[in-house]
Amino acid sequence: MILLPRRAPAAVLDPIVRGLVAVRITPTMLTTAGFLGNVLAAWLAAQGDLRLAGVAVLFFSALDMLDGALARATGRASRFGALYDSTLDRLSEAAVLGGLLWHALQSGSDEQAMLAFVATVGSLMVSYVRARSEGLGLALRDGLFTRSERVVLVGVALILGFTRAALWALAVLTVLTAFQRLWIGSRSMIAEDAPKEER
């Protein structure tokens, strides 16, 4: 189960991708720009400019929808690109939550600082369970609260001023999603391995 689609509609993506190709933008450039933009968002959040941070999160994370589409359109899809993209996605998310953690500490809110920490760990575990499952030969894409949902929640909440509520939602839902993926993956692997154990 997923809440948001993993890709934007082709009618939206295709014209943008053609424009990027025309100006010789590469997928790696987009991935790097998205990461640097999220570092900027983290710095803005740490400084207390939460609304600007939210705008930056939404804008620069949107580049993540474009780098893969651009790679496929230009025939540049590669294992390196996938690894680079996934790594910077994790770092981008951790950076933004780190900025919120810093802001919470500077504001004297131990509660929000702890929530930001739990949300960071939960977000990383959601991705780790998927990566480890795929390393063991199981494709695992299901999950209630994956990166798309997390990015939209953080960006919109910062813009509207609902930071505390967003951190609570992130902390709870990322941990639940990590366990959800662990449960789904465990059941699938046990079912697949059962006939081998009986022989």
N, C-alpha and C. Protein backbone atom coordinates (compact mmCIF):
# COMPACT_ATOMS: atom_id res chain seq x y z
N MET A 1 0.84 -1.20 0.00
CA MET A 1 0.00 0.00 0.00
C MET A 1 0.87 1.25 0.00
N ILE A 2 0.60 2.18 -0.91
CA ILE A 2 1.30 3.46 -0.95
C ILE A 2 0.27 4.58 -1.03
N LEU A 3 0.62 5.73 -0.49
CA LEU A 3 -0.31 6.86 -0.47
C LEU A 3 -0.16 7.76 -1.69
N LEU A 4 1.07 7.92 -2.17
CA LEU A 4 1.34 8.78 -3.31
C LEU A 4 2.02 7.97 -4.41
N PRO A 5 1.77 8.32 -5.68
CA PRO A 5 2.45 7.62 -6.78
C PRO A 5 3.94 7.87 -6.75
N ARG A 6 4.72 6.89 -7.19
CA ARG A 6 6.17 7.02 -7.20
C ARG A 6 6.66 7.95 -8.30
N ARG A 7 5.84 8.11 -9.37
CA ARG A 7 6.23 8.99 -10.47
C ARG A 7 5.10 9.94 -10.83
N ALA A 8 5.47 11.12 -11.30
CA ALA A 8 4.48 12.06 -11.81
C ALA A 8 3.97 11.56 -13.15
N PRO A 9 2.78 11.99 -13.58
CA PRO A 9 2.24 11.56 -14.87
C PRO A 9 3.18 11.93 -16.02
N ALA A 10 3.20 11.09 -17.04
CA ALA A 10 4.08 11.34 -18.19
C ALA A 10 3.76 12.67 -18.87
N ALA A 11 2.48 13.07 -18.86
CA ALA A 11 2.09 14.33 -19.49
C ALA A 11 2.76 15.52 -18.82
N VAL A 12 3.09 15.37 -17.54
CA VAL A 12 3.79 16.43 -16.81
C VAL A 12 5.30 16.30 -16.98
N LEU A 13 5.80 15.08 -16.85
CA LEU A 13 7.24 14.85 -16.87
C LEU A 13 7.87 15.05 -18.25
N ASP A 14 7.23 14.53 -19.28
CA ASP A 14 7.86 14.50 -20.60
C ASP A 14 8.31 15.86 -21.12
N PRO A 15 7.45 16.90 -21.06
CA PRO A 15 7.92 18.22 -21.55
C PRO A 15 9.10 18.76 -20.74
N ILE A 16 9.09 18.52 -19.43
CA ILE A 16 10.19 18.99 -18.59
C ILE A 16 11.48 18.27 -18.95
N VAL A 17 11.37 16.96 -19.14
CA VAL A 17 12.54 16.16 -19.48
C VAL A 17 13.12 16.60 -20.82
N ARG A 18 12.26 16.86 -21.80
CA ARG A 18 12.74 17.32 -23.11
C ARG A 18 13.47 18.65 -22.98
N GLY A 19 12.97 19.53 -22.11
CA GLY A 19 13.65 20.80 -21.89
C GLY A 19 15.01 20.62 -21.25
N LEU A 20 15.09 19.70 -20.30
CA LEU A 20 16.37 19.43 -19.63
C LEU A 20 17.38 18.84 -20.62
N VAL A 21 16.91 17.96 -21.48
CA VAL A 21 17.80 17.38 -22.49
C VAL A 21 18.32 18.47 -23.42
N ALA A 22 17.44 19.41 -23.78
CA ALA A 22 17.81 20.47 -24.72
C ALA A 22 18.91 21.37 -24.16
N VAL A 23 18.93 21.56 -22.84
CA VAL A 23 19.95 22.43 -22.24
C VAL A 23 21.10 21.62 -21.64
N ARG A 24 21.16 20.33 -21.99
CA ARG A 24 22.26 19.44 -21.62
C ARG A 24 22.43 19.23 -20.12
N ILE A 25 21.31 19.18 -19.42
CA ILE A 25 21.34 18.83 -18.01
C ILE A 25 21.41 17.31 -17.90
N THR A 26 22.28 16.79 -17.04
CA THR A 26 22.41 15.35 -16.87
C THR A 26 21.70 14.89 -15.60
N PRO A 27 21.37 13.60 -15.52
CA PRO A 27 20.73 13.09 -14.30
C PRO A 27 21.57 13.33 -13.05
N THR A 28 22.88 13.17 -13.17
CA THR A 28 23.76 13.38 -12.02
C THR A 28 23.71 14.83 -11.54
N MET A 29 23.62 15.75 -12.48
CA MET A 29 23.48 17.17 -12.11
C MET A 29 22.21 17.39 -11.29
N LEU A 30 21.11 16.79 -11.73
CA LEU A 30 19.84 16.95 -11.02
C LEU A 30 19.91 16.35 -9.62
N THR A 31 20.48 15.14 -9.52
CA THR A 31 20.59 14.49 -8.23
C THR A 31 21.42 15.33 -7.27
N THR A 32 22.54 15.86 -7.77
CA THR A 32 23.42 16.68 -6.94
C THR A 32 22.73 17.97 -6.53
N ALA A 33 22.03 18.61 -7.48
CA ALA A 33 21.32 19.85 -7.17
C ALA A 33 20.23 19.61 -6.13
N GLY A 34 19.53 18.48 -6.24
CA GLY A 34 18.50 18.16 -5.25
C GLY A 34 19.09 18.01 -3.86
N PHE A 35 20.23 17.35 -3.77
CA PHE A 35 20.89 17.18 -2.48
C PHE A 35 21.34 18.52 -1.90
N LEU A 36 22.02 19.32 -2.72
CA LEU A 36 22.50 20.61 -2.23
C LEU A 36 21.34 21.51 -1.82
N GLY A 37 20.24 21.43 -2.55
CA GLY A 37 19.06 22.21 -2.19
C GLY A 37 18.47 21.79 -0.85
N ASN A 38 18.51 20.50 -0.58
CA ASN A 38 18.01 20.03 0.72
C ASN A 38 18.95 20.40 1.85
N VAL A 39 20.26 20.47 1.56
CA VAL A 39 21.20 20.98 2.56
C VAL A 39 20.87 22.44 2.87
N LEU A 40 20.53 23.20 1.84
CA LEU A 40 20.10 24.58 2.05
C LEU A 40 18.84 24.62 2.90
N ALA A 41 17.90 23.73 2.62
CA ALA A 41 16.67 23.67 3.41
C ALA A 41 16.99 23.35 4.87
N ALA A 42 17.95 22.45 5.08
CA ALA A 42 18.35 22.10 6.44
C ALA A 42 18.92 23.31 7.17
N TRP A 43 19.75 24.09 6.47
CA TRP A 43 20.34 25.29 7.07
C TRP A 43 19.25 26.31 7.41
N LEU A 44 18.29 26.48 6.50
CA LEU A 44 17.19 27.41 6.76
C LEU A 44 16.38 26.96 7.98
N ALA A 45 16.14 25.65 8.07
CA ALA A 45 15.38 25.13 9.21
C ALA A 45 16.15 25.37 10.51
N ALA A 46 17.46 25.12 10.48
CA ALA A 46 18.28 25.33 11.67
C ALA A 46 18.27 26.79 12.10
N GLN A 47 18.15 27.71 11.14
CA GLN A 47 18.12 29.14 11.44
C GLN A 47 16.74 29.61 11.87
N GLY A 48 15.75 28.73 11.75
CA GLY A 48 14.40 29.10 12.14
C GLY A 48 13.55 29.64 11.00
N ASP A 49 14.08 29.66 9.78
CA ASP A 49 13.30 30.10 8.61
C ASP A 49 12.51 28.91 8.06
N LEU A 50 11.52 28.48 8.84
CA LEU A 50 10.85 27.21 8.55
C LEU A 50 10.03 27.24 7.27
N ARG A 51 9.36 28.35 6.99
CA ARG A 51 8.55 28.41 5.77
C ARG A 51 9.43 28.34 4.51
N LEU A 52 10.54 29.08 4.52
CA LEU A 52 11.47 29.00 3.39
C LEU A 52 12.06 27.60 3.28
N ALA A 53 12.33 26.99 4.42
CA ALA A 53 12.85 25.63 4.42
C ALA A 53 11.85 24.68 3.78
N GLY A 54 10.57 24.85 4.10
CA GLY A 54 9.54 24.01 3.49
C GLY A 54 9.46 24.16 1.99
N VAL A 55 9.55 25.40 1.52
CA VAL A 55 9.54 25.64 0.07
C VAL A 55 10.73 24.96 -0.59
N ALA A 56 11.90 25.09 0.04
CA ALA A 56 13.12 24.49 -0.50
C ALA A 56 13.01 22.97 -0.53
N VAL A 57 12.45 22.37 0.52
CA VAL A 57 12.28 20.91 0.56
C VAL A 57 11.43 20.44 -0.60
N LEU A 58 10.28 21.09 -0.82
CA LEU A 58 9.38 20.67 -1.88
C LEU A 58 10.00 20.87 -3.26
N PHE A 59 10.64 22.02 -3.46
CA PHE A 59 11.20 22.32 -4.78
C PHE A 59 12.36 21.39 -5.13
N PHE A 60 13.32 21.29 -4.23
CA PHE A 60 14.52 20.51 -4.56
C PHE A 60 14.26 19.00 -4.51
N SER A 61 13.32 18.57 -3.68
CA SER A 61 12.99 17.14 -3.67
C SER A 61 12.23 16.75 -4.93
N ALA A 62 11.55 17.73 -5.55
CA ALA A 62 10.86 17.44 -6.81
C ALA A 62 11.85 17.03 -7.90
N LEU A 63 13.10 17.46 -7.77
CA LEU A 63 14.11 17.07 -8.75
C LEU A 63 14.32 15.56 -8.75
N ASP A 64 13.97 14.93 -7.61
CA ASP A 64 14.12 13.48 -7.50
C ASP A 64 13.18 12.75 -8.45
N MET A 65 12.07 13.40 -8.82
CA MET A 65 11.16 12.79 -9.78
C MET A 65 11.69 12.92 -11.20
N LEU A 66 12.64 13.82 -11.38
CA LEU A 66 13.13 14.10 -12.73
C LEU A 66 14.41 13.36 -13.10
N ASP A 67 15.28 13.09 -12.11
CA ASP A 67 16.57 12.50 -12.48
C ASP A 67 16.43 11.11 -13.09
N GLY A 68 15.53 10.31 -12.51
CA GLY A 68 15.31 8.97 -13.06
C GLY A 68 14.68 9.02 -14.44
N ALA A 69 13.69 9.90 -14.61
CA ALA A 69 13.03 10.04 -15.91
C ALA A 69 14.02 10.53 -16.97
N LEU A 70 14.89 11.46 -16.57
CA LEU A 70 15.89 11.98 -17.50
C LEU A 70 16.90 10.88 -17.86
N ALA A 71 17.29 10.08 -16.87
CA ALA A 71 18.24 8.99 -17.14
C ALA A 71 17.66 8.00 -18.13
N ARG A 72 16.37 7.66 -17.95
CA ARG A 72 15.75 6.70 -18.88
C ARG A 72 15.60 7.31 -20.27
N ALA A 73 15.24 8.58 -20.32
CA ALA A 73 15.01 9.23 -21.62
C ALA A 73 16.30 9.38 -22.42
N THR A 74 17.42 9.53 -21.74
CA THR A 74 18.70 9.74 -22.43
C THR A 74 19.55 8.48 -22.50
N GLY A 75 19.03 7.37 -22.01
CA GLY A 75 19.78 6.12 -22.03
C GLY A 75 20.95 6.12 -21.07
N ARG A 76 20.88 6.94 -20.02
CA ARG A 76 21.98 7.03 -19.05
C ARG A 76 21.68 6.32 -17.74
N ALA A 77 20.60 5.55 -17.71
CA ALA A 77 20.29 4.81 -16.49
C ALA A 77 21.41 3.80 -16.21
N SER A 78 21.90 3.78 -15.00
CA SER A 78 23.02 2.90 -14.66
C SER A 78 22.95 2.52 -13.19
N ARG A 79 23.70 1.50 -12.83
CA ARG A 79 23.75 1.09 -11.43
C ARG A 79 24.40 2.18 -10.58
N PHE A 80 25.42 2.85 -11.14
CA PHE A 80 26.03 3.95 -10.40
C PHE A 80 25.01 5.04 -10.12
N GLY A 81 24.22 5.40 -11.15
CA GLY A 81 23.22 6.44 -10.98
C GLY A 81 22.20 6.08 -9.91
N ALA A 82 21.77 4.81 -9.91
CA ALA A 82 20.80 4.37 -8.91
C ALA A 82 21.39 4.45 -7.50
N LEU A 83 22.64 4.02 -7.37
CA LEU A 83 23.31 4.07 -6.06
C LEU A 83 23.51 5.51 -5.60
N TYR A 84 23.97 6.36 -6.50
CA TYR A 84 24.22 7.77 -6.18
C TYR A 84 22.91 8.45 -5.77
N ASP A 85 21.86 8.19 -6.53
CA ASP A 85 20.56 8.80 -6.25
C ASP A 85 20.03 8.35 -4.89
N SER A 86 20.07 7.06 -4.62
CA SER A 86 19.55 6.54 -3.36
C SER A 86 20.34 7.07 -2.16
N THR A 87 21.66 7.14 -2.33
CA THR A 87 22.50 7.62 -1.24
C THR A 87 22.21 9.08 -0.91
N LEU A 88 22.13 9.91 -1.95
CA LEU A 88 21.86 11.33 -1.71
C LEU A 88 20.44 11.58 -1.23
N ASP A 89 19.50 10.71 -1.62
CA ASP A 89 18.14 10.82 -1.08
C ASP A 89 18.15 10.65 0.44
N ARG A 90 18.88 9.63 0.91
CA ARG A 90 18.95 9.39 2.35
C ARG A 90 19.62 10.56 3.06
N LEU A 91 20.72 11.05 2.48
CA LEU A 91 21.44 12.17 3.09
C LEU A 91 20.59 13.43 3.09
N SER A 92 19.83 13.65 2.03
CA SER A 92 18.96 14.83 1.96
C SER A 92 17.95 14.82 3.09
N GLU A 93 17.32 13.67 3.27
CA GLU A 93 16.29 13.56 4.30
C GLU A 93 16.89 13.73 5.69
N ALA A 94 18.04 13.09 5.92
CA ALA A 94 18.70 13.20 7.22
C ALA A 94 19.14 14.64 7.48
N ALA A 95 19.59 15.33 6.44
CA ALA A 95 20.02 16.72 6.61
C ALA A 95 18.87 17.61 7.05
N VAL A 96 17.72 17.48 6.39
CA VAL A 96 16.56 18.31 6.74
C VAL A 96 16.10 18.03 8.17
N LEU A 97 16.01 16.77 8.54
CA LEU A 97 15.61 16.43 9.89
C LEU A 97 16.67 16.87 10.91
N GLY A 98 17.94 16.82 10.49
CA GLY A 98 19.00 17.33 11.35
C GLY A 98 18.86 18.83 11.58
N GLY A 99 18.48 19.55 10.54
CA GLY A 99 18.24 20.99 10.68
C GLY A 99 17.10 21.27 11.65
N LEU A 100 16.05 20.47 11.56
CA LEU A 100 14.92 20.63 12.49
C LEU A 100 15.32 20.26 13.92
N LEU A 101 16.18 19.24 14.05
CA LEU A 101 16.67 18.86 15.38
C LEU A 101 17.48 20.00 15.99
N TRP A 102 18.34 20.60 15.17
CA TRP A 102 19.16 21.72 15.66
C TRP A 102 18.27 22.89 16.08
N HIS A 103 17.27 23.19 15.27
CA HIS A 103 16.35 24.28 15.60
C HIS A 103 15.62 23.99 16.91
N ALA A 104 15.20 22.73 17.09
CA ALA A 104 14.50 22.36 18.32
C ALA A 104 15.40 22.53 19.53
N LEU A 105 16.66 22.12 19.40
CA LEU A 105 17.59 22.27 20.52
C LEU A 105 17.83 23.73 20.85
N GLN A 106 17.98 24.55 19.81
CA GLN A 106 18.20 25.98 20.04
C GLN A 106 16.97 26.65 20.65
N SER A 107 15.79 26.09 20.37
CA SER A 107 14.55 26.65 20.89
C SER A 107 14.20 26.09 22.27
N GLY A 108 15.00 25.13 22.72
CA GLY A 108 14.74 24.53 24.02
C GLY A 108 13.64 23.49 24.02
N SER A 109 13.30 22.95 22.85
CA SER A 109 12.24 21.94 22.77
C SER A 109 12.85 20.55 22.69
N ASP A 110 13.05 19.94 23.85
CA ASP A 110 13.60 18.59 23.88
C ASP A 110 12.68 17.59 23.20
N GLU A 111 11.38 17.83 23.33
CA GLU A 111 10.39 16.93 22.71
C GLU A 111 10.58 16.87 21.20
N GLN A 112 10.64 18.04 20.56
CA GLN A 112 10.78 18.07 19.11
C GLN A 112 12.15 17.55 18.66
N ALA A 113 13.18 17.79 19.47
CA ALA A 113 14.50 17.27 19.15
C ALA A 113 14.48 15.74 19.14
N MET A 114 13.85 15.15 20.14
CA MET A 114 13.77 13.69 20.20
C MET A 114 12.92 13.15 19.05
N LEU A 115 11.83 13.84 18.72
CA LEU A 115 10.98 13.40 17.61
C LEU A 115 11.75 13.44 16.29
N ALA A 116 12.55 14.49 16.10
CA ALA A 116 13.36 14.59 14.88
C ALA A 116 14.36 13.44 14.80
N PHE A 117 14.95 13.09 15.94
CA PHE A 117 15.89 11.97 15.97
C PHE A 117 15.20 10.65 15.63
N VAL A 118 14.05 10.41 16.24
CA VAL A 118 13.31 9.17 15.97
C VAL A 118 12.87 9.12 14.51
N ALA A 119 12.42 10.26 13.98
CA ALA A 119 12.00 10.32 12.59
C ALA A 119 13.16 10.03 11.64
N THR A 120 14.35 10.51 11.99
CA THR A 120 15.53 10.24 11.17
C THR A 120 15.85 8.75 11.15
N VAL A 121 15.87 8.15 12.32
CA VAL A 121 16.15 6.71 12.41
C VAL A 121 15.07 5.92 11.68
N GLY A 122 13.82 6.28 11.89
CA GLY A 122 12.72 5.58 11.24
C GLY A 122 12.79 5.69 9.73
N SER A 123 13.10 6.88 9.22
CA SER A 123 13.21 7.08 7.77
C SER A 123 14.32 6.22 7.18
N LEU A 124 15.46 6.20 7.85
CA LEU A 124 16.57 5.39 7.37
C LEU A 124 16.24 3.90 7.41
N MET A 125 15.52 3.47 8.44
CA MET A 125 15.16 2.06 8.56
C MET A 125 14.15 1.64 7.49
N VAL A 126 13.25 2.53 7.11
CA VAL A 126 12.31 2.22 6.03
C VAL A 126 13.09 1.87 4.76
N SER A 127 14.10 2.68 4.46
CA SER A 127 14.91 2.45 3.27
C SER A 127 15.81 1.23 3.44
N TYR A 128 16.35 1.06 4.66
CA TYR A 128 17.27 -0.06 4.88
C TYR A 128 16.57 -1.41 4.72
N VAL A 129 15.36 -1.53 5.28
CA VAL A 129 14.65 -2.81 5.17
C VAL A 129 14.40 -3.15 3.70
N ARG A 130 14.04 -2.15 2.92
CA ARG A 130 13.85 -2.41 1.48
C ARG A 130 15.17 -2.82 0.83
N ALA A 131 16.24 -2.09 1.09
CA ALA A 131 17.53 -2.38 0.46
C ALA A 131 18.03 -3.76 0.85
N ARG A 132 17.90 -4.11 2.14
CA ARG A 132 18.36 -5.42 2.59
C ARG A 132 17.53 -6.54 1.98
N SER A 133 16.22 -6.32 1.87
CA SER A 133 15.35 -7.31 1.27
C SER A 133 15.71 -7.55 -0.19
N GLU A 134 15.97 -6.44 -0.91
CA GLU A 134 16.34 -6.57 -2.32
C GLU A 134 17.69 -7.27 -2.46
N GLY A 135 18.60 -7.04 -1.49
CA GLY A 135 19.88 -7.74 -1.51
C GLY A 135 19.72 -9.23 -1.30
N LEU A 136 18.62 -9.63 -0.65
CA LEU A 136 18.32 -11.04 -0.42
C LEU A 136 17.39 -11.60 -1.50
N GLY A 137 17.16 -10.81 -2.54
CA GLY A 137 16.39 -11.31 -3.68
C GLY A 137 14.90 -11.07 -3.62
N LEU A 138 14.44 -10.22 -2.71
CA LEU A 138 13.01 -9.94 -2.60
C LEU A 138 12.73 -8.48 -2.93
N ALA A 139 11.95 -8.25 -3.97
CA ALA A 139 11.56 -6.88 -4.31
C ALA A 139 10.52 -6.42 -3.29
N LEU A 140 10.80 -5.33 -2.61
CA LEU A 140 9.91 -4.85 -1.54
C LEU A 140 9.68 -3.36 -1.72
N ARG A 141 8.55 -3.02 -2.34
CA ARG A 141 8.23 -1.62 -2.59
C ARG A 141 7.04 -1.13 -1.79
N ASP A 142 6.33 -2.05 -1.15
CA ASP A 142 5.17 -1.65 -0.36
C ASP A 142 5.61 -0.86 0.86
N GLY A 143 4.71 -0.05 1.35
CA GLY A 143 5.01 0.72 2.56
C GLY A 143 4.08 1.90 2.65
N LEU A 144 3.52 2.10 3.83
CA LEU A 144 2.53 3.16 4.02
C LEU A 144 3.14 4.54 3.87
N PHE A 145 4.34 4.75 4.43
CA PHE A 145 4.89 6.10 4.51
C PHE A 145 6.31 6.12 3.96
N THR A 146 6.41 6.12 2.64
CA THR A 146 7.70 6.10 1.97
C THR A 146 8.19 7.54 1.73
N ARG A 147 9.28 7.68 0.98
CA ARG A 147 9.92 8.98 0.89
C ARG A 147 9.01 10.07 0.32
N SER A 148 8.22 9.73 -0.69
CA SER A 148 7.34 10.74 -1.29
C SER A 148 6.42 11.36 -0.25
N GLU A 149 5.79 10.50 0.56
CA GLU A 149 4.89 10.99 1.60
C GLU A 149 5.63 11.81 2.64
N ARG A 150 6.82 11.37 2.99
CA ARG A 150 7.59 12.09 4.02
C ARG A 150 7.99 13.48 3.53
N VAL A 151 8.42 13.57 2.28
CA VAL A 151 8.83 14.86 1.72
C VAL A 151 7.65 15.83 1.69
N VAL A 152 6.50 15.36 1.22
CA VAL A 152 5.32 16.23 1.13
C VAL A 152 4.88 16.68 2.52
N LEU A 153 4.86 15.76 3.46
CA LEU A 153 4.46 16.11 4.82
C LEU A 153 5.38 17.17 5.41
N VAL A 154 6.69 16.96 5.32
CA VAL A 154 7.64 17.91 5.89
C VAL A 154 7.51 19.28 5.22
N GLY A 155 7.52 19.29 3.89
CA GLY A 155 7.46 20.55 3.17
C GLY A 155 6.20 21.35 3.48
N VAL A 156 5.05 20.70 3.39
CA VAL A 156 3.78 21.39 3.62
C VAL A 156 3.66 21.83 5.08
N ALA A 157 4.06 20.95 6.01
CA ALA A 157 3.96 21.30 7.43
C ALA A 157 4.83 22.49 7.80
N LEU A 158 6.03 22.55 7.24
CA LEU A 158 6.90 23.69 7.53
C LEU A 158 6.31 24.99 6.99
N ILE A 159 5.74 24.92 5.80
CA ILE A 159 5.14 26.12 5.20
C ILE A 159 3.94 26.60 6.03
N LEU A 160 3.13 25.65 6.51
CA LEU A 160 1.91 26.02 7.24
C LEU A 160 2.13 26.23 8.73
N GLY A 161 3.34 25.89 9.21
CA GLY A 161 3.64 26.11 10.62
C GLY A 161 3.23 24.98 11.55
N PHE A 162 3.09 23.76 11.02
CA PHE A 162 2.69 22.62 11.84
C PHE A 162 3.89 21.69 12.09
N THR A 163 4.99 22.26 12.48
CA THR A 163 6.23 21.47 12.62
C THR A 163 6.10 20.37 13.68
N ARG A 164 5.58 20.71 14.84
CA ARG A 164 5.49 19.72 15.92
C ARG A 164 4.60 18.55 15.50
N ALA A 165 3.46 18.85 14.92
CA ALA A 165 2.55 17.79 14.48
C ALA A 165 3.20 16.91 13.41
N ALA A 166 3.93 17.56 12.51
CA ALA A 166 4.61 16.81 11.44
C ALA A 166 5.68 15.89 12.01
N LEU A 167 6.42 16.37 13.00
CA LEU A 167 7.46 15.53 13.61
C LEU A 167 6.85 14.34 14.34
N TRP A 168 5.73 14.55 15.01
CA TRP A 168 5.04 13.43 15.65
C TRP A 168 4.61 12.41 14.59
N ALA A 169 4.00 12.90 13.51
CA ALA A 169 3.54 12.00 12.45
C ALA A 169 4.71 11.24 11.84
N LEU A 170 5.80 11.95 11.57
CA LEU A 170 6.98 11.31 10.99
C LEU A 170 7.55 10.25 11.92
N ALA A 171 7.70 10.60 13.19
CA ALA A 171 8.30 9.66 14.14
C ALA A 171 7.48 8.39 14.24
N VAL A 172 6.17 8.53 14.33
CA VAL A 172 5.31 7.36 14.48
C VAL A 172 5.21 6.57 13.18
N LEU A 173 4.94 7.26 12.09
CA LEU A 173 4.65 6.56 10.83
C LEU A 173 5.88 5.95 10.18
N THR A 174 7.06 6.57 10.36
CA THR A 174 8.26 5.95 9.78
C THR A 174 8.60 4.66 10.51
N VAL A 175 8.48 4.66 11.83
CA VAL A 175 8.76 3.44 12.59
C VAL A 175 7.74 2.36 12.23
N LEU A 176 6.47 2.73 12.13
CA LEU A 176 5.45 1.75 11.75
C LEU A 176 5.71 1.20 10.35
N THR A 177 6.12 2.06 9.44
CA THR A 177 6.39 1.62 8.07
C THR A 177 7.59 0.68 8.01
N ALA A 178 8.60 0.97 8.80
CA ALA A 178 9.76 0.08 8.85
C ALA A 178 9.35 -1.31 9.33
N PHE A 179 8.52 -1.36 10.39
CA PHE A 179 8.04 -2.65 10.88
C PHE A 179 7.08 -3.31 9.88
N GLN A 180 6.29 -2.48 9.19
CA GLN A 180 5.40 -3.02 8.16
C GLN A 180 6.20 -3.72 7.08
N ARG A 181 7.26 -3.08 6.60
CA ARG A 181 8.09 -3.68 5.57
C ARG A 181 8.81 -4.93 6.09
N LEU A 182 9.26 -4.86 7.34
CA LEU A 182 9.91 -6.02 7.93
C LEU A 182 8.94 -7.20 8.01
N TRP A 183 7.70 -6.93 8.37
CA TRP A 183 6.68 -7.97 8.48
C TRP A 183 6.38 -8.56 7.10
N ILE A 184 6.17 -7.69 6.11
CA ILE A 184 5.87 -8.16 4.76
C ILE A 184 7.04 -8.98 4.21
N GLY A 185 8.25 -8.44 4.35
CA GLY A 185 9.42 -9.13 3.85
C GLY A 185 9.66 -10.45 4.55
N SER A 186 9.48 -10.48 5.87
CA SER A 186 9.71 -11.70 6.64
C SER A 186 8.73 -12.79 6.22
N ARG A 187 7.47 -12.42 6.08
CA ARG A 187 6.47 -13.42 5.69
C ARG A 187 6.77 -13.98 4.31
N SER A 188 7.16 -13.11 3.37
CA SER A 188 7.46 -13.58 2.01
C SER A 188 8.66 -14.51 2.00
N MET A 189 9.70 -14.13 2.74
CA MET A 189 10.91 -14.96 2.76
C MET A 189 10.68 -16.30 3.45
N ILE A 190 9.92 -16.29 4.54
CA ILE A 190 9.62 -17.54 5.23
C ILE A 190 8.82 -18.47 4.32
N ALA A 191 7.84 -17.87 3.59
CA ALA A 191 7.03 -18.69 2.67
C ALA A 191 7.88 -19.26 1.55
N GLU A 192 8.81 -18.45 1.02
CA GLU A 192 9.67 -18.93 -0.06
C GLU A 192 10.67 -19.99 0.41
N ASP A 193 11.16 -19.86 1.64
CA ASP A 193 12.16 -20.78 2.15
C ASP A 193 11.58 -22.06 2.71
N ALA A 194 10.29 -22.06 3.02
CA ALA A 194 9.66 -23.22 3.66
C ALA A 194 9.83 -24.51 2.86
N PRO A 195 9.57 -24.55 1.53
CA PRO A 195 9.73 -25.80 0.78
C PRO A 195 11.15 -26.32 0.81
N LYS A 196 12.16 -25.41 0.80
CA LYS A 196 13.55 -25.83 0.82
C LYS A 196 13.89 -26.50 2.14
N GLU A 197 13.31 -26.02 3.24
CA GLU A 197 13.61 -26.59 4.54
C GLU A 197 12.98 -27.97 4.71
N GLU A 198 11.87 -28.20 4.00
CA GLU A 198 11.17 -29.47 4.13
C GLU A 198 11.86 -30.59 3.37
N ARG A 199 12.69 -30.27 2.37
CA ARG A 199 13.33 -31.29 1.55
C ARG A 199 14.43 -32.03 2.31
